[in-house]
Amino acid sequence: MIACRVECHPAWAYHGPSLYLAAKIMWNPALDVDATLDDYFSRFYGPAARPMRTHFEILESAIQKADYHTGNVFDMPHILTPKVMDKMNITLQQAENLAIDDSIYVRRVNII
């Protein structure tokens, strides 16, 4: 590989883990993905790392299990069903409860 061109959507907060992983894996293709994601979530979300990782895993699973996804916003209501959104809201609440009030971690949880 000589170069890589990356395009990002303006909803960068939800792309944080994949952008972090991409930046790391471009330097080391033999990277341990799970360990790198553990690093991302623990450094970025601190005490709220576990529920935030679960939050992202719920989202990723919903997209992976979708019948189809053309990348269009019109597909999202069929993927992010009320059941999925309820699960994601629970993890956000758990993350807020674990992060220390007025800390950088609370602000990072709240950018979602």
PDB file of N, CA and C in Angstrom:
ATOM      1  N   MET A   1       0.843  -1.175   0.000  1.00  0.00           N
ATOM      2  CA  MET A   1       0.000   0.000   0.000  1.00  0.00           C
ATOM      3  C   MET A   1       0.885   1.233   0.000  1.00  0.00           C
ATOM      4  N   ILE A   2       0.540   2.159  -0.842  1.00  0.00           N
ATOM      5  CA  ILE A   2       1.304   3.404  -0.935  1.00  0.00           C
ATOM      6  C   ILE A   2       0.595   4.535  -0.199  1.00  0.00           C
ATOM      7  N   ALA A   3      -0.721   4.575  -0.313  1.00  0.00           N
ATOM      8  CA  ALA A   3      -1.469   5.665   0.298  1.00  0.00           C
ATOM      9  C   ALA A   3      -2.886   5.195   0.617  1.00  0.00           C
ATOM     10  N   CYS A   4      -3.553   5.994   1.411  1.00  0.00           N
ATOM     11  CA  CYS A   4      -4.932   5.708   1.776  1.00  0.00           C
ATOM     12  C   CYS A   4      -5.693   7.027   1.838  1.00  0.00           C
ATOM     13  N   ARG A   5      -6.841   7.046   1.237  1.00  0.00           N
ATOM     14  CA  ARG A   5      -7.687   8.237   1.286  1.00  0.00           C
ATOM     15  C   ARG A   5      -8.912   7.892   2.127  1.00  0.00           C
ATOM     16  N   VAL A   6      -9.146   8.662   3.143  1.00  0.00           N
ATOM     17  CA  VAL A   6     -10.248   8.388   4.060  1.00  0.00           C
ATOM     18  C   VAL A   6     -11.275   9.506   3.953  1.00  0.00           C
ATOM     19  N   GLU A   7     -12.524   9.127   3.821  1.00  0.00           N
ATOM     20  CA  GLU A   7     -13.614  10.096   3.831  1.00  0.00           C
ATOM     21  C   GLU A   7     -14.442   9.857   5.079  1.00  0.00           C
ATOM     22  N   CYS A   8     -14.854  10.930   5.714  1.00  0.00           N
ATOM     23  CA  CYS A   8     -15.624  10.824   6.955  1.00  0.00           C
ATOM     24  C   CYS A   8     -16.938  11.581   6.821  1.00  0.00           C
ATOM     25  N   HIS A   9     -17.925  11.065   7.476  1.00  0.00           N
ATOM     26  CA  HIS A   9     -19.208  11.748   7.556  1.00  0.00           C
ATOM     27  C   HIS A   9     -19.138  12.798   8.656  1.00  0.00           C
ATOM     28  N   PRO A  10     -20.006  13.795   8.625  1.00  0.00           N
ATOM     29  CA  PRO A  10     -19.947  14.838   9.652  1.00  0.00           C
ATOM     30  C   PRO A  10     -20.330  14.352  11.054  1.00  0.00           C
ATOM     31  N   ALA A  11     -20.919  13.179  11.179  1.00  0.00           N
ATOM     32  CA  ALA A  11     -21.256  12.624  12.495  1.00  0.00           C
ATOM     33  C   ALA A  11     -20.027  11.897  13.044  1.00  0.00           C
ATOM     34  N   TRP A  12     -18.946  12.632  13.228  1.00  0.00           N
ATOM     35  CA  TRP A  12     -17.657  12.031  13.554  1.00  0.00           C
ATOM     36  C   TRP A  12     -17.650  11.296  14.889  1.00  0.00           C
ATOM     37  N   ALA A  13     -18.492  11.675  15.828  1.00  0.00           N
ATOM     38  CA  ALA A  13     -18.457  11.025  17.143  1.00  0.00           C
ATOM     39  C   ALA A  13     -18.703   9.529  17.032  1.00  0.00           C
ATOM     40  N   TYR A  14     -19.604   9.133  16.166  1.00  0.00           N
ATOM     41  CA  TYR A  14     -19.873   7.707  15.989  1.00  0.00           C
ATOM     42  C   TYR A  14     -18.822   7.024  15.130  1.00  0.00           C
ATOM     43  N   HIS A  15     -17.962   7.788  14.500  1.00  0.00           N
ATOM     44  CA  HIS A  15     -16.905   7.198  13.693  1.00  0.00           C
ATOM     45  C   HIS A  15     -15.576   7.148  14.440  1.00  0.00           C
ATOM     46  N   GLY A  16     -15.555   7.645  15.666  1.00  0.00           N
ATOM     47  CA  GLY A  16     -14.322   7.687  16.444  1.00  0.00           C
ATOM     48  C   GLY A  16     -13.594   6.358  16.536  1.00  0.00           C
ATOM     49  N   PRO A  17     -14.261   5.281  16.963  1.00  0.00           N
ATOM     50  CA  PRO A  17     -13.551   4.005  17.080  1.00  0.00           C
ATOM     51  C   PRO A  17     -12.991   3.499  15.747  1.00  0.00           C
ATOM     52  N   SER A  18     -13.765   3.612  14.681  1.00  0.00           N
ATOM     53  CA  SER A  18     -13.275   3.103  13.396  1.00  0.00           C
ATOM     54  C   SER A  18     -12.141   3.974  12.849  1.00  0.00           C
ATOM     55  N   LEU A  19     -12.215   5.283  13.042  1.00  0.00           N
ATOM     56  CA  LEU A  19     -11.127   6.151  12.594  1.00  0.00           C
ATOM     57  C   LEU A  19      -9.848   5.894  13.396  1.00  0.00           C
ATOM     58  N   TYR A  20      -9.994   5.692  14.694  1.00  0.00           N
ATOM     59  CA  TYR A  20      -8.846   5.374  15.550  1.00  0.00           C
ATOM     60  C   TYR A  20      -8.214   4.060  15.109  1.00  0.00           C
ATOM     61  N   LEU A  21      -9.062   3.052  14.912  1.00  0.00           N
ATOM     62  CA  LEU A  21      -8.574   1.747  14.494  1.00  0.00           C
ATOM     63  C   LEU A  21      -7.900   1.834  13.121  1.00  0.00           C
ATOM     64  N   ALA A  22      -8.500   2.554  12.195  1.00  0.00           N
ATOM     65  CA  ALA A  22      -7.915   2.693  10.862  1.00  0.00           C
ATOM     66  C   ALA A  22      -6.544   3.363  10.935  1.00  0.00           C
ATOM     67  N   ALA A  23      -6.428   4.419  11.714  1.00  0.00           N
ATOM     68  CA  ALA A  23      -5.145   5.114  11.839  1.00  0.00           C
ATOM     69  C   ALA A  23      -4.078   4.191  12.414  1.00  0.00           C
ATOM     70  N   LYS A  24      -4.448   3.388  13.387  1.00  0.00           N
ATOM     71  CA  LYS A  24      -3.492   2.470  14.011  1.00  0.00           C
ATOM     72  C   LYS A  24      -3.124   1.311  13.083  1.00  0.00           C
ATOM     73  N   ILE A  25      -4.124   0.764  12.408  1.00  0.00           N
ATOM     74  CA  ILE A  25      -3.881  -0.418  11.587  1.00  0.00           C
ATOM     75  C   ILE A  25      -3.102  -0.083  10.314  1.00  0.00           C
ATOM     76  N   MET A  26      -3.167   1.178   9.869  1.00  0.00           N
ATOM     77  CA  MET A  26      -2.375   1.580   8.713  1.00  0.00           C
ATOM     78  C   MET A  26      -0.875   1.517   9.017  1.00  0.00           C
ATOM     79  N   TRP A  27      -0.516   1.673  10.273  1.00  0.00           N
ATOM     80  CA  TRP A  27       0.886   1.586  10.676  1.00  0.00           C
ATOM     81  C   TRP A  27       1.277   0.161  11.041  1.00  0.00           C
ATOM     82  N   ASN A  28       0.291  -0.661  11.396  1.00  0.00           N
ATOM     83  CA  ASN A  28       0.593  -2.034  11.817  1.00  0.00           C
ATOM     84  C   ASN A  28      -0.556  -2.948  11.408  1.00  0.00           C
ATOM     85  N   PRO A  29      -0.466  -3.553  10.226  1.00  0.00           N
ATOM     86  CA  PRO A  29      -1.568  -4.398   9.757  1.00  0.00           C
ATOM     87  C   PRO A  29      -1.770  -5.669  10.576  1.00  0.00           C
ATOM     88  N   ALA A  30      -0.819  -6.027  11.428  1.00  0.00           N
ATOM     89  CA  ALA A  30      -0.953  -7.213  12.275  1.00  0.00           C
ATOM     90  C   ALA A  30      -1.523  -6.855  13.650  1.00  0.00           C
ATOM     91  N   LEU A  31      -2.078  -5.691  13.748  1.00  0.00           N
ATOM     92  CA  LEU A  31      -2.599  -5.153  15.001  1.00  0.00           C
ATOM     93  C   LEU A  31      -3.664  -6.053  15.622  1.00  0.00           C
ATOM     94  N   ASP A  32      -3.675  -6.126  16.939  1.00  0.00           N
ATOM     95  CA  ASP A  32      -4.734  -6.821  17.672  1.00  0.00           C
ATOM     96  C   ASP A  32      -5.913  -5.852  17.777  1.00  0.00           C
ATOM     97  N   VAL A  33      -6.960  -6.111  17.001  1.00  0.00           N
ATOM     98  CA  VAL A  33      -8.099  -5.193  16.909  1.00  0.00           C
ATOM     99  C   VAL A  33      -8.792  -5.026  18.253  1.00  0.00           C
ATOM    100  N   ASP A  34      -9.060  -6.118  18.947  1.00  0.00           N
ATOM    101  CA  ASP A  34      -9.765  -6.014  20.233  1.00  0.00           C
ATOM    102  C   ASP A  34      -8.952  -5.226  21.258  1.00  0.00           C
ATOM    103  N   ALA A  35      -7.659  -5.473  21.315  1.00  0.00           N
ATOM    104  CA  ALA A  35      -6.807  -4.732  22.258  1.00  0.00           C
ATOM    105  C   ALA A  35      -6.763  -3.246  21.898  1.00  0.00           C
ATOM    106  N   THR A  36      -6.739  -2.943  20.606  1.00  0.00           N
ATOM    107  CA  THR A  36      -6.709  -1.552  20.168  1.00  0.00           C
ATOM    108  C   THR A  36      -8.017  -0.852  20.502  1.00  0.00           C
ATOM    109  N   LEU A  37      -9.131  -1.541  20.320  1.00  0.00           N
ATOM    110  CA  LEU A  37     -10.426  -0.950  20.694  1.00  0.00           C
ATOM    111  C   LEU A  37     -10.536  -0.796  22.208  1.00  0.00           C
ATOM    112  N   ASP A  38      -9.999  -1.751  22.966  1.00  0.00           N
ATOM    113  CA  ASP A  38      -9.958  -1.595  24.425  1.00  0.00           C
ATOM    114  C   ASP A  38      -9.186  -0.331  24.788  1.00  0.00           C
ATOM    115  N   ASP A  39      -8.067  -0.116  24.109  1.00  0.00           N
ATOM    116  CA  ASP A  39      -7.253   1.082  24.346  1.00  0.00           C
ATOM    117  C   ASP A  39      -8.051   2.344  24.046  1.00  0.00           C
ATOM    118  N   TYR A  40      -8.727   2.359  22.895  1.00  0.00           N
ATOM    119  CA  TYR A  40      -9.525   3.521  22.511  1.00  0.00           C
ATOM    120  C   TYR A  40     -10.584   3.836  23.570  1.00  0.00           C
ATOM    121  N   PHE A  41     -11.401   2.842  23.883  1.00  0.00           N
ATOM    122  CA  PHE A  41     -12.509   3.093  24.799  1.00  0.00           C
ATOM    123  C   PHE A  41     -12.019   3.454  26.194  1.00  0.00           C
ATOM    124  N   SER A  42     -10.971   2.805  26.689  1.00  0.00           N
ATOM    125  CA  SER A  42     -10.493   3.128  28.039  1.00  0.00           C
ATOM    126  C   SER A  42      -9.868   4.520  28.099  1.00  0.00           C
ATOM    127  N   ARG A  43      -9.157   4.910  27.054  1.00  0.00           N
ATOM    128  CA  ARG A  43      -8.531   6.241  27.059  1.00  0.00           C
ATOM    129  C   ARG A  43      -9.549   7.346  26.798  1.00  0.00           C
ATOM    130  N   PHE A  44     -10.485   7.095  25.890  1.00  0.00           N
ATOM    131  CA  PHE A  44     -11.415   8.156  25.516  1.00  0.00           C
ATOM    132  C   PHE A  44     -12.562   8.304  26.510  1.00  0.00           C
ATOM    133  N   TYR A  45     -13.043   7.190  27.066  1.00  0.00           N
ATOM    134  CA  TYR A  45     -14.217   7.242  27.945  1.00  0.00           C
ATOM    135  C   TYR A  45     -13.906   6.940  29.407  1.00  0.00           C
ATOM    136  N   GLY A  46     -12.674   6.603  29.724  1.00  0.00           N
ATOM    137  CA  GLY A  46     -12.292   6.388  31.116  1.00  0.00           C
ATOM    138  C   GLY A  46     -13.188   5.386  31.816  1.00  0.00           C
ATOM    139  N   PRO A  47     -13.784   5.775  32.955  1.00  0.00           N
ATOM    140  CA  PRO A  47     -14.612   4.840  33.720  1.00  0.00           C
ATOM    141  C   PRO A  47     -15.884   4.410  32.986  1.00  0.00           C
ATOM    142  N   ALA A  48     -16.232   5.093  31.927  1.00  0.00           N
ATOM    143  CA  ALA A  48     -17.434   4.747  31.157  1.00  0.00           C
ATOM    144  C   ALA A  48     -17.097   3.881  29.941  1.00  0.00           C
ATOM    145  N   ALA A  49     -15.887   3.339  29.887  1.00  0.00           N
ATOM    146  CA  ALA A  49     -15.426   2.584  28.718  1.00  0.00           C
ATOM    147  C   ALA A  49     -16.315   1.385  28.393  1.00  0.00           C
ATOM    148  N   ARG A  50     -16.646   0.592  29.394  1.00  0.00           N
ATOM    149  CA  ARG A  50     -17.397  -0.646  29.124  1.00  0.00           C
ATOM    150  C   ARG A  50     -18.782  -0.368  28.533  1.00  0.00           C
ATOM    151  N   PRO A  51     -19.608   0.481  29.157  1.00  0.00           N
ATOM    152  CA  PRO A  51     -20.916   0.720  28.550  1.00  0.00           C
ATOM    153  C   PRO A  51     -20.823   1.420  27.190  1.00  0.00           C
ATOM    154  N   MET A  52     -19.794   2.237  26.993  1.00  0.00           N
ATOM    155  CA  MET A  52     -19.662   2.886  25.687  1.00  0.00           C
ATOM    156  C   MET A  52     -19.244   1.882  24.622  1.00  0.00           C
ATOM    157  N   ARG A  53     -18.390   0.947  24.971  1.00  0.00           N
ATOM    158  CA  ARG A  53     -18.043  -0.096  23.991  1.00  0.00           C
ATOM    159  C   ARG A  53     -19.285  -0.920  23.668  1.00  0.00           C
ATOM    160  N   THR A  54     -20.067  -1.255  24.675  1.00  0.00           N
ATOM    161  CA  THR A  54     -21.310  -1.992  24.442  1.00  0.00           C
ATOM    162  C   THR A  54     -22.244  -1.184  23.560  1.00  0.00           C
ATOM    163  N   HIS A  55     -22.322   0.108  23.782  1.00  0.00           N
ATOM    164  CA  HIS A  55     -23.155   1.008  22.977  1.00  0.00           C
ATOM    165  C   HIS A  55     -22.788   0.889  21.491  1.00  0.00           C
ATOM    166  N   PHE A  56     -21.506   0.967  21.213  1.00  0.00           N
ATOM    167  CA  PHE A  56     -21.044   0.868  19.833  1.00  0.00           C
ATOM    168  C   PHE A  56     -21.246  -0.541  19.269  1.00  0.00           C
ATOM    169  N   GLU A  57     -21.107  -1.564  20.110  1.00  0.00           N
ATOM    170  CA  GLU A  57     -21.319  -2.938  19.656  1.00  0.00           C
ATOM    171  C   GLU A  57     -22.789  -3.180  19.293  1.00  0.00           C
ATOM    172  N   ILE A  58     -23.700  -2.588  20.054  1.00  0.00           N
ATOM    173  CA  ILE A  58     -25.132  -2.691  19.727  1.00  0.00           C
ATOM    174  C   ILE A  58     -25.399  -2.067  18.366  1.00  0.00           C
ATOM    175  N   LEU A  59     -24.850  -0.883  18.136  1.00  0.00           N
ATOM    176  CA  LEU A  59     -25.028  -0.203  16.854  1.00  0.00           C
ATOM    177  C   LEU A  59     -24.440  -1.028  15.710  1.00  0.00           C
ATOM    178  N   GLU A  60     -23.224  -1.507  15.883  1.00  0.00           N
ATOM    179  CA  GLU A  60     -22.571  -2.297  14.835  1.00  0.00           C
ATOM    180  C   GLU A  60     -23.351  -3.568  14.539  1.00  0.00           C
ATOM    181  N   SER A  61     -23.819  -4.225  15.575  1.00  0.00           N
ATOM    182  CA  SER A  61     -24.597  -5.451  15.393  1.00  0.00           C
ATOM    183  C   SER A  61     -25.888  -5.185  14.623  1.00  0.00           C
ATOM    184  N   ALA A  62     -26.564  -4.098  14.942  1.00  0.00           N
ATOM    185  CA  ALA A  62     -27.814  -3.766  14.254  1.00  0.00           C
ATOM    186  C   ALA A  62     -27.572  -3.538  12.763  1.00  0.00           C
ATOM    187  N   ILE A  63     -26.481  -2.879  12.445  1.00  0.00           N
ATOM    188  CA  ILE A  63     -26.164  -2.621  11.040  1.00  0.00           C
ATOM    189  C   ILE A  63     -25.761  -3.911  10.338  1.00  0.00           C
ATOM    190  N   GLN A  64     -24.968  -4.743  11.015  1.00  0.00           N
ATOM    191  CA  GLN A  64     -24.537  -6.013  10.420  1.00  0.00           C
ATOM    192  C   GLN A  64     -25.715  -6.948  10.162  1.00  0.00           C
ATOM    193  N   LYS A  65     -26.692  -6.940  11.047  1.00  0.00           N
ATOM    194  CA  LYS A  65     -27.831  -7.859  10.929  1.00  0.00           C
ATOM    195  C   LYS A  65     -28.947  -7.324  10.037  1.00  0.00           C
ATOM    196  N   ALA A  66     -28.797  -6.109   9.554  1.00  0.00           N
ATOM    197  CA  ALA A  66     -29.826  -5.513   8.700  1.00  0.00           C
ATOM    198  C   ALA A  66     -29.941  -6.309   7.397  1.00  0.00           C
ATOM    199  N   ASP A  67     -31.155  -6.377   6.869  1.00  0.00           N
ATOM    200  CA  ASP A  67     -31.358  -7.060   5.600  1.00  0.00           C
ATOM    201  C   ASP A  67     -30.522  -6.416   4.498  1.00  0.00           C
ATOM    202  N   TYR A  68     -30.397  -5.114   4.558  1.00  0.00           N
ATOM    203  CA  TYR A  68     -29.593  -4.363   3.595  1.00  0.00           C
ATOM    204  C   TYR A  68     -29.336  -2.985   4.176  1.00  0.00           C
ATOM    205  N   HIS A  69     -28.334  -2.331   3.639  1.00  0.00           N
ATOM    206  CA  HIS A  69     -28.063  -0.942   4.010  1.00  0.00           C
ATOM    207  C   HIS A  69     -27.333  -0.307   2.845  1.00  0.00           C
ATOM    208  N   THR A  70     -27.965   0.625   2.200  1.00  0.00           N
ATOM    209  CA  THR A  70     -27.384   1.262   1.020  1.00  0.00           C
ATOM    210  C   THR A  70     -26.556   2.481   1.376  1.00  0.00           C
ATOM    211  N   GLY A  71     -26.448   2.766   2.678  1.00  0.00           N
ATOM    212  CA  GLY A  71     -25.724   3.950   3.105  1.00  0.00           C
ATOM    213  C   GLY A  71     -26.605   5.180   3.153  1.00  0.00           C
ATOM    214  N   ASN A  72     -27.870   4.993   2.894  1.00  0.00           N
ATOM    215  CA  ASN A  72     -28.813   6.098   2.840  1.00  0.00           C
ATOM    216  C   ASN A  72     -29.517   6.240   4.187  1.00  0.00           C
ATOM    217  N   VAL A  73     -29.798   7.460   4.581  1.00  0.00           N
ATOM    218  CA  VAL A  73     -30.467   7.704   5.863  1.00  0.00           C
ATOM    219  C   VAL A  73     -31.864   7.094   5.917  1.00  0.00           C
ATOM    220  N   PHE A  74     -32.469   6.854   4.767  1.00  0.00           N
ATOM    221  CA  PHE A  74     -33.815   6.288   4.752  1.00  0.00           C
ATOM    222  C   PHE A  74     -33.841   4.851   5.268  1.00  0.00           C
ATOM    223  N   ASP A  75     -32.696   4.174   5.275  1.00  0.00           N
ATOM    224  CA  ASP A  75     -32.610   2.811   5.804  1.00  0.00           C
ATOM    225  C   ASP A  75     -32.564   2.783   7.334  1.00  0.00           C
ATOM    226  N   MET A  76     -32.102   3.859   7.936  1.00  0.00           N
ATOM    227  CA  MET A  76     -31.826   3.846   9.370  1.00  0.00           C
ATOM    228  C   MET A  76     -33.028   3.534  10.257  1.00  0.00           C
ATOM    229  N   PRO A  77     -34.247   4.008   9.963  1.00  0.00           N
ATOM    230  CA  PRO A  77     -35.372   3.633  10.830  1.00  0.00           C
ATOM    231  C   PRO A  77     -35.659   2.125  10.826  1.00  0.00           C
ATOM    232  N   HIS A  78     -35.238   1.446   9.766  1.00  0.00           N
ATOM    233  CA  HIS A  78     -35.423  -0.008   9.701  1.00  0.00           C
ATOM    234  C   HIS A  78     -34.314  -0.748  10.443  1.00  0.00           C
ATOM    235  N   ILE A  79     -33.208  -0.067  10.663  1.00  0.00           N
ATOM    236  CA  ILE A  79     -32.067  -0.659  11.364  1.00  0.00           C
ATOM    237  C   ILE A  79     -32.080  -0.252  12.835  1.00  0.00           C
ATOM    238  N   LEU A  80     -32.255   1.032  13.086  1.00  0.00           N
ATOM    239  CA  LEU A  80     -32.281   1.543  14.461  1.00  0.00           C
ATOM    240  C   LEU A  80     -33.722   1.557  14.958  1.00  0.00           C
ATOM    241  N   THR A  81     -34.203   0.378  15.195  1.00  0.00           N
ATOM    242  CA  THR A  81     -35.577   0.199  15.658  1.00  0.00           C
ATOM    243  C   THR A  81     -35.714   0.712  17.090  1.00  0.00           C
ATOM    244  N   PRO A  82     -36.939   0.886  17.571  1.00  0.00           N
ATOM    245  CA  PRO A  82     -37.110   1.308  18.967  1.00  0.00           C
ATOM    246  C   PRO A  82     -36.408   0.364  19.956  1.00  0.00           C
ATOM    247  N   LYS A  83     -36.403  -0.923  19.672  1.00  0.00           N
ATOM    248  CA  LYS A  83     -35.737  -1.884  20.560  1.00  0.00           C
ATOM    249  C   LYS A  83     -34.229  -1.626  20.606  1.00  0.00           C
ATOM    250  N   VAL A  84     -33.618  -1.397  19.456  1.00  0.00           N
ATOM    251  CA  VAL A  84     -32.181  -1.102  19.392  1.00  0.00           C
ATOM    252  C   VAL A  84     -31.897   0.225  20.088  1.00  0.00           C
ATOM    253  N   MET A  85     -32.719   1.224  19.815  1.00  0.00           N
ATOM    254  CA  MET A  85     -32.506   2.541  20.429  1.00  0.00           C
ATOM    255  C   MET A  85     -32.659   2.480  21.947  1.00  0.00           C
ATOM    256  N   ASP A  86     -33.596   1.675  22.440  1.00  0.00           N
ATOM    257  CA  ASP A  86     -33.753   1.515  23.889  1.00  0.00           C
ATOM    258  C   ASP A  86     -32.486   0.929  24.510  1.00  0.00           C
ATOM    259  N   LYS A  87     -31.916  -0.082  23.859  1.00  0.00           N
ATOM    260  CA  LYS A  87     -30.676  -0.678  24.361  1.00  0.00           C
ATOM    261  C   LYS A  87     -29.541   0.340  24.360  1.00  0.00           C
ATOM    262  N   MET A  88     -29.458   1.115  23.297  1.00  0.00           N
ATOM    263  CA  MET A  88     -28.401   2.119  23.209  1.00  0.00           C
ATOM    264  C   MET A  88     -28.589   3.216  24.258  1.00  0.00           C
ATOM    265  N   ASN A  89     -29.818   3.603  24.509  1.00  0.00           N
ATOM    266  CA  ASN A  89     -30.086   4.612  25.549  1.00  0.00           C
ATOM    267  C   ASN A  89     -29.687   4.110  26.925  1.00  0.00           C
ATOM    268  N   ILE A  90     -29.904   2.827  27.182  1.00  0.00           N
ATOM    269  CA  ILE A  90     -29.512   2.247  28.472  1.00  0.00           C
ATOM    270  C   ILE A  90     -27.999   2.337  28.654  1.00  0.00           C
ATOM    271  N   THR A  91     -27.245   1.999  27.613  1.00  0.00           N
ATOM    272  CA  THR A  91     -25.781   2.057  27.742  1.00  0.00           C
ATOM    273  C   THR A  91     -25.289   3.488  27.917  1.00  0.00           C
ATOM    274  N   LEU A  92     -25.953   4.438  27.260  1.00  0.00           N
ATOM    275  CA  LEU A  92     -25.558   5.837  27.461  1.00  0.00           C
ATOM    276  C   LEU A  92     -25.825   6.284  28.893  1.00  0.00           C
ATOM    277  N   GLN A  93     -26.946   5.870  29.444  1.00  0.00           N
ATOM    278  CA  GLN A  93     -27.255   6.215  30.838  1.00  0.00           C
ATOM    279  C   GLN A  93     -26.238   5.578  31.781  1.00  0.00           C
ATOM    280  N   GLN A  94     -25.883   4.332  31.529  1.00  0.00           N
ATOM    281  CA  GLN A  94     -24.873   3.665  32.353  1.00  0.00           C
ATOM    282  C   GLN A  94     -23.536   4.407  32.271  1.00  0.00           C
ATOM    283  N   ALA A  95     -23.177   4.826  31.059  1.00  0.00           N
ATOM    284  CA  ALA A  95     -21.918   5.554  30.875  1.00  0.00           C
ATOM    285  C   ALA A  95     -21.937   6.879  31.623  1.00  0.00           C
ATOM    286  N   GLU A  96     -23.041   7.603  31.529  1.00  0.00           N
ATOM    287  CA  GLU A  96     -23.148   8.877  32.249  1.00  0.00           C
ATOM    288  C   GLU A  96     -23.033   8.669  33.749  1.00  0.00           C
ATOM    289  N   ASN A  97     -23.608   7.595  34.250  1.00  0.00           N
ATOM    290  CA  ASN A  97     -23.555   7.308  35.688  1.00  0.00           C
ATOM    291  C   ASN A  97     -22.143   6.955  36.149  1.00  0.00           C
ATOM    292  N   LEU A  98     -21.352   6.357  35.269  1.00  0.00           N
ATOM    293  CA  LEU A  98     -19.995   5.961  35.640  1.00  0.00           C
ATOM    294  C   LEU A  98     -18.977   7.091  35.489  1.00  0.00           C
ATOM    295  N   ALA A  99     -19.246   7.999  34.584  1.00  0.00           N
ATOM    296  CA  ALA A  99     -18.315   9.111  34.374  1.00  0.00           C
ATOM    297  C   ALA A  99     -18.476  10.118  35.508  1.00  0.00           C
ATOM    298  N   ILE A 100     -17.386  10.724  35.875  1.00  0.00           N
ATOM    299  CA  ILE A 100     -17.420  11.698  36.969  1.00  0.00           C
ATOM    300  C   ILE A 100     -18.036  12.990  36.442  1.00  0.00           C
ATOM    301  N   ASP A 101     -18.976  13.545  37.198  1.00  0.00           N
ATOM    302  CA  ASP A 101     -19.647  14.795  36.785  1.00  0.00           C
ATOM    303  C   ASP A 101     -18.639  15.877  36.460  1.00  0.00           C
ATOM    304  N   ASP A 102     -18.943  16.619  35.393  1.00  0.00           N
ATOM    305  CA  ASP A 102     -18.115  17.741  34.934  1.00  0.00           C
ATOM    306  C   ASP A 102     -16.704  17.323  34.520  1.00  0.00           C
ATOM    307  N   SER A 103     -16.513  16.061  34.247  1.00  0.00           N
ATOM    308  CA  SER A 103     -15.200  15.617  33.793  1.00  0.00           C
ATOM    309  C   SER A 103     -15.168  15.572  32.272  1.00  0.00           C
ATOM    310  N   ILE A 104     -13.998  15.385  31.734  1.00  0.00           N
ATOM    311  CA  ILE A 104     -13.845  15.240  30.287  1.00  0.00           C
ATOM    312  C   ILE A 104     -14.618  14.012  29.808  1.00  0.00           C
ATOM    313  N   TYR A 105     -14.706  12.991  30.648  1.00  0.00           N
ATOM    314  CA  TYR A 105     -15.406  11.766  30.241  1.00  0.00           C
ATOM    315  C   TYR A 105     -16.908  11.986  30.080  1.00  0.00           C
ATOM    316  N   VAL A 106     -17.497  12.789  30.939  1.00  0.00           N
ATOM    317  CA  VAL A 106     -18.926  13.119  30.784  1.00  0.00           C
ATOM    318  C   VAL A 106     -19.137  13.860  29.468  1.00  0.00           C
ATOM    319  N   ARG A 107     -18.280  14.812  29.191  1.00  0.00           N
ATOM    320  CA  ARG A 107     -18.414  15.561  27.929  1.00  0.00           C
ATOM    321  C   ARG A 107     -18.244  14.658  26.732  1.00  0.00           C
ATOM    322  N   ARG A 108     -17.341  13.696  26.821  1.00  0.00           N
ATOM    323  CA  ARG A 108     -17.151  12.778  25.694  1.00  0.00           C
ATOM    324  C   ARG A 108     -18.332  11.838  25.514  1.00  0.00           C
ATOM    325  N   VAL A 109     -18.895  11.362  26.593  1.00  0.00           N
ATOM    326  CA  VAL A 109     -20.111  10.541  26.484  1.00  0.00           C
ATOM    327  C   VAL A 109     -21.222  11.353  25.854  1.00  0.00           C
ATOM    328  N   ASN A 110     -21.323  12.608  26.225  1.00  0.00           N
ATOM    329  CA  ASN A 110     -22.429  13.457  25.751  1.00  0.00           C
ATOM    330  C   ASN A 110     -22.269  13.970  24.322  1.00  0.00           C
ATOM    331  N   ILE A 111     -21.130  13.730  23.672  1.00  0.00           N
ATOM    332  CA  ILE A 111     -21.025  14.124  22.270  1.00  0.00           C
ATOM    333  C   ILE A 111     -21.771  13.168  21.352  1.00  0.00           C
ATOM    334  N   ILE A 112     -22.172  12.047  21.882  1.00  0.00           N
ATOM    335  CA  ILE A 112     -22.906  11.050  21.082  1.00  0.00           C
ATOM    336  C   ILE A 112     -24.302  11.504  20.856  1.00  0.00           C
TER     337      ILE A 112
END
